[in-house]
Amino acid sequence: MSLRYTSIYCGADGVSHFKDCEITLCQAVIGPLIPPLGTSLPEPASACYFLTFPPGIHIDWHPAPRRLYHFFLAGECEVQVEDGSVRVFRTGDVVLADDTTGKGHTTRNPGMTVTIMAVVAIPDEQQ
């Protein structure tokens, strides 16, 4: 079993792109009296917060301020990366904004409702 998510990253060409990724889940016991569940390896987090995007908002080109997982709880956002690709993310989608360098991406809420996300900041990858 695995969990799929989209990564927005800055490639060796200095341009932002989308990449489809998977996290492998394995069966593990996470606590007493809890049957084995599908789980990933733990990943450190440095902050967690909720974010809302009002209908019609458009945020022009910007890199991610740090590595951020976005968990879409309600609504939708349209994201464009520098290579010209555009994707729409909706409730249930997970996106890792990992384009901390380069021009980054644009974000807009094309819908008629507020988009709500849980955002988890993670430390930079060790090189």
C-alpha atoms as a PDB file:
ATOM      1  CA  MET A   1       0.000   0.000   0.000  1.00  0.00           C
ATOM      2  CA  SER A   2       1.210   3.527  -0.663  1.00  0.00           C
ATOM      3  CA  LEU A   3       0.194   7.152  -0.368  1.00  0.00           C
ATOM      4  CA  ARG A   4       0.514   9.338  -3.451  1.00  0.00           C
ATOM      5  CA  TYR A   5       1.371  13.029  -3.393  1.00  0.00           C
ATOM      6  CA  THR A   6       2.611  15.720  -5.781  1.00  0.00           C
ATOM      7  CA  SER A   7       5.953  17.458  -5.325  1.00  0.00           C
ATOM      8  CA  ILE A   8       6.616  20.944  -6.690  1.00  0.00           C
ATOM      9  CA  TYR A   9      10.388  21.226  -7.031  1.00  0.00           C
ATOM     10  CA  CYS A  10      13.106  23.297  -8.684  1.00  0.00           C
ATOM     11  CA  GLY A  11      15.093  21.088 -11.056  1.00  0.00           C
ATOM     12  CA  ALA A  12      18.748  21.198 -12.033  1.00  0.00           C
ATOM     13  CA  ASP A  13      17.622  23.430 -14.924  1.00  0.00           C
ATOM     14  CA  GLY A  14      16.573  26.096 -12.366  1.00  0.00           C
ATOM     15  CA  VAL A  15      12.897  25.734 -13.399  1.00  0.00           C
ATOM     16  CA  SER A  16      10.012  24.525 -11.217  1.00  0.00           C
ATOM     17  CA  HIS A  17       8.228  21.283 -12.140  1.00  0.00           C
ATOM     18  CA  PHE A  18       5.631  18.825 -10.813  1.00  0.00           C
ATOM     19  CA  LYS A  19       6.632  15.289  -9.843  1.00  0.00           C
ATOM     20  CA  ASP A  20       4.272  12.485  -8.777  1.00  0.00           C
ATOM     21  CA  CYS A  21       5.646  10.684  -5.707  1.00  0.00           C
ATOM     22  CA  GLU A  22       4.703   7.772  -3.453  1.00  0.00           C
ATOM     23  CA  ILE A  23       5.306   7.004   0.191  1.00  0.00           C
ATOM     24  CA  THR A  24       5.329   3.275   0.912  1.00  0.00           C
ATOM     25  CA  LEU A  25       3.158   2.223   3.832  1.00  0.00           C
ATOM     26  CA  CYS A  26       3.769  -0.906   5.888  1.00  0.00           C
ATOM     27  CA  GLN A  27       1.702  -2.636   8.546  1.00  0.00           C
ATOM     28  CA  ALA A  28       2.816  -1.590  12.027  1.00  0.00           C
ATOM     29  CA  VAL A  29       1.481  -1.405  15.552  1.00  0.00           C
ATOM     30  CA  ILE A  30       1.484   2.241  16.621  1.00  0.00           C
ATOM     31  CA  GLY A  31       0.176   1.824  20.154  1.00  0.00           C
ATOM     32  CA  PRO A  32      -1.300  -0.541  22.730  1.00  0.00           C
ATOM     33  CA  LEU A  33      -4.760  -1.903  21.929  1.00  0.00           C
ATOM     34  CA  ILE A  34      -4.523  -0.627  18.309  1.00  0.00           C
ATOM     35  CA  PRO A  35      -4.420  -3.275  15.570  1.00  0.00           C
ATOM     36  CA  PRO A  36      -1.694  -3.046  12.899  1.00  0.00           C
ATOM     37  CA  LEU A  37      -2.316  -0.123  10.549  1.00  0.00           C
ATOM     38  CA  GLY A  38      -0.747   1.122   7.329  1.00  0.00           C
ATOM     39  CA  THR A  39       1.916   3.639   8.312  1.00  0.00           C
ATOM     40  CA  SER A  40       4.893   5.430   6.808  1.00  0.00           C
ATOM     41  CA  LEU A  41       8.222   6.038   8.452  1.00  0.00           C
ATOM     42  CA  PRO A  42       8.144   9.043  10.792  1.00  0.00           C
ATOM     43  CA  GLU A  43       9.279  12.333   9.293  1.00  0.00           C
ATOM     44  CA  PRO A  44      10.310  15.295  11.474  1.00  0.00           C
ATOM     45  CA  ALA A  45       8.159  18.432  11.387  1.00  0.00           C
ATOM     46  CA  SER A  46       9.111  21.927  12.541  1.00  0.00           C
ATOM     47  CA  ALA A  47       5.670  23.622  12.503  1.00  0.00           C
ATOM     48  CA  CYS A  48       2.026  22.985  11.696  1.00  0.00           C
ATOM     49  CA  TYR A  49      -0.724  25.479  10.878  1.00  0.00           C
ATOM     50  CA  PHE A  50      -3.953  25.920   8.935  1.00  0.00           C
ATOM     51  CA  LEU A  51      -4.191  28.140   5.869  1.00  0.00           C
ATOM     52  CA  THR A  52      -7.179  29.544   3.981  1.00  0.00           C
ATOM     53  CA  PHE A  53      -7.342  30.912   0.446  1.00  0.00           C
ATOM     54  CA  PRO A  54     -10.415  33.057  -0.292  1.00  0.00           C
ATOM     55  CA  PRO A  55     -12.248  32.641  -3.618  1.00  0.00           C
ATOM     56  CA  GLY A  56     -10.551  34.477  -6.474  1.00  0.00           C
ATOM     57  CA  ILE A  57      -7.175  34.969  -4.745  1.00  0.00           C
ATOM     58  CA  HIS A  58      -4.166  34.889  -7.080  1.00  0.00           C
ATOM     59  CA  ILE A  59      -0.637  34.736  -5.702  1.00  0.00           C
ATOM     60  CA  ASP A  60       1.916  35.551  -8.405  1.00  0.00           C
ATOM     61  CA  TRP A  61       5.272  33.782  -8.863  1.00  0.00           C
ATOM     62  CA  HIS A  62       6.933  32.848  -5.572  1.00  0.00           C
ATOM     63  CA  PRO A  63       9.168  30.062  -4.278  1.00  0.00           C
ATOM     64  CA  ALA A  64       8.059  28.126  -1.205  1.00  0.00           C
ATOM     65  CA  PRO A  65       9.363  29.890   1.935  1.00  0.00           C
ATOM     66  CA  ARG A  66      10.473  26.447   3.221  1.00  0.00           C
ATOM     67  CA  ARG A  67       9.584  22.799   2.571  1.00  0.00           C
ATOM     68  CA  LEU A  68       5.837  22.545   3.223  1.00  0.00           C
ATOM     69  CA  TYR A  69       3.351  19.698   2.973  1.00  0.00           C
ATOM     70  CA  HIS A  70      -0.136  21.009   2.093  1.00  0.00           C
ATOM     71  CA  PHE A  71      -3.074  18.736   3.001  1.00  0.00           C
ATOM     72  CA  PHE A  72      -6.198  19.957   1.192  1.00  0.00           C
ATOM     73  CA  LEU A  73      -9.184  19.801   3.562  1.00  0.00           C
ATOM     74  CA  ALA A  74     -11.744  21.788   1.511  1.00  0.00           C
ATOM     75  CA  GLY A  75     -11.943  23.701  -1.768  1.00  0.00           C
ATOM     76  CA  GLU A  76      -9.372  23.754  -4.538  1.00  0.00           C
ATOM     77  CA  CYS A  77      -6.269  25.561  -5.775  1.00  0.00           C
ATOM     78  CA  GLU A  78      -4.790  25.827  -9.247  1.00  0.00           C
ATOM     79  CA  VAL A  79      -0.994  25.793  -9.283  1.00  0.00           C
ATOM     80  CA  GLN A  80       1.246  26.625 -12.247  1.00  0.00           C
ATOM     81  CA  VAL A  81       4.945  25.803 -12.314  1.00  0.00           C
ATOM     82  CA  GLU A  82       7.577  27.508 -14.411  1.00  0.00           C
ATOM     83  CA  ASP A  83       7.710  24.753 -17.053  1.00  0.00           C
ATOM     84  CA  GLY A  84       4.128  25.773 -17.947  1.00  0.00           C
ATOM     85  CA  SER A  85       2.337  22.806 -16.341  1.00  0.00           C
ATOM     86  CA  VAL A  86      -0.856  23.524 -14.403  1.00  0.00           C
ATOM     87  CA  ARG A  87      -2.593  21.264 -11.882  1.00  0.00           C
ATOM     88  CA  VAL A  88      -5.703  21.663  -9.759  1.00  0.00           C
ATOM     89  CA  PHE A  89      -5.553  20.267  -6.224  1.00  0.00           C
ATOM     90  CA  ARG A  90      -8.729  19.419  -4.325  1.00  0.00           C
ATOM     91  CA  THR A  91      -9.960  17.987  -1.040  1.00  0.00           C
ATOM     92  CA  GLY A  92      -7.880  14.937  -0.123  1.00  0.00           C
ATOM     93  CA  ASP A  93      -4.822  15.894  -2.191  1.00  0.00           C
ATOM     94  CA  VAL A  94      -1.354  16.208  -0.651  1.00  0.00           C
ATOM     95  CA  VAL A  95       1.283  18.536  -2.128  1.00  0.00           C
ATOM     96  CA  LEU A  96       4.901  19.014  -1.064  1.00  0.00           C
ATOM     97  CA  ALA A  97       6.019  22.557  -1.932  1.00  0.00           C
ATOM     98  CA  ASP A  98       9.748  21.917  -2.248  1.00  0.00           C
ATOM     99  CA  ASP A  99      10.621  24.674  -4.758  1.00  0.00           C
ATOM    100  CA  THR A 100      12.492  26.850  -2.261  1.00  0.00           C
ATOM    101  CA  THR A 101      14.762  28.232  -4.990  1.00  0.00           C
ATOM    102  CA  GLY A 102      14.103  29.615  -8.452  1.00  0.00           C
ATOM    103  CA  LYS A 103      11.038  31.489  -9.687  1.00  0.00           C
ATOM    104  CA  GLY A 104       8.675  29.104  -7.912  1.00  0.00           C
ATOM    105  CA  HIS A 105       4.993  28.752  -8.781  1.00  0.00           C
ATOM    106  CA  THR A 106       1.708  30.665  -8.930  1.00  0.00           C
ATOM    107  CA  THR A 107      -1.344  29.751  -6.879  1.00  0.00           C
ATOM    108  CA  ARG A 108      -4.975  30.742  -7.289  1.00  0.00           C
ATOM    109  CA  ASN A 109      -8.346  29.708  -5.963  1.00  0.00           C
ATOM    110  CA  PRO A 110     -10.626  29.537  -9.019  1.00  0.00           C
ATOM    111  CA  GLY A 111     -13.589  28.254  -7.005  1.00  0.00           C
ATOM    112  CA  MET A 112     -16.453  29.959  -5.231  1.00  0.00           C
ATOM    113  CA  THR A 113     -15.573  28.683  -1.746  1.00  0.00           C
ATOM    114  CA  VAL A 114     -12.709  29.154   0.685  1.00  0.00           C
ATOM    115  CA  THR A 115      -9.905  26.617   0.311  1.00  0.00           C
ATOM    116  CA  ILE A 116      -8.687  25.194   3.621  1.00  0.00           C
ATOM    117  CA  MET A 117      -5.355  23.433   4.066  1.00  0.00           C
ATOM    118  CA  ALA A 118      -3.387  21.940   6.936  1.00  0.00           C
ATOM    119  CA  VAL A 119       0.262  22.850   6.369  1.00  0.00           C
ATOM    120  CA  VAL A 120       3.205  21.010   7.910  1.00  0.00           C
ATOM    121  CA  ALA A 121       6.698  22.506   7.653  1.00  0.00           C
ATOM    122  CA  ILE A 122       9.508  19.983   7.407  1.00  0.00           C
ATOM    123  CA  PRO A 123      13.263  20.486   7.749  1.00  0.00           C
ATOM    124  CA  ASP A 124      15.411  20.808   4.630  1.00  0.00           C
ATOM    125  CA  GLU A 125      16.647  17.502   3.208  1.00  0.00           C
ATOM    126  CA  GLN A 126      20.125  16.519   4.288  1.00  0.00           C
ATOM    127  CA  GLN A 127      22.520  16.714   1.367  1.00  0.00           C
END
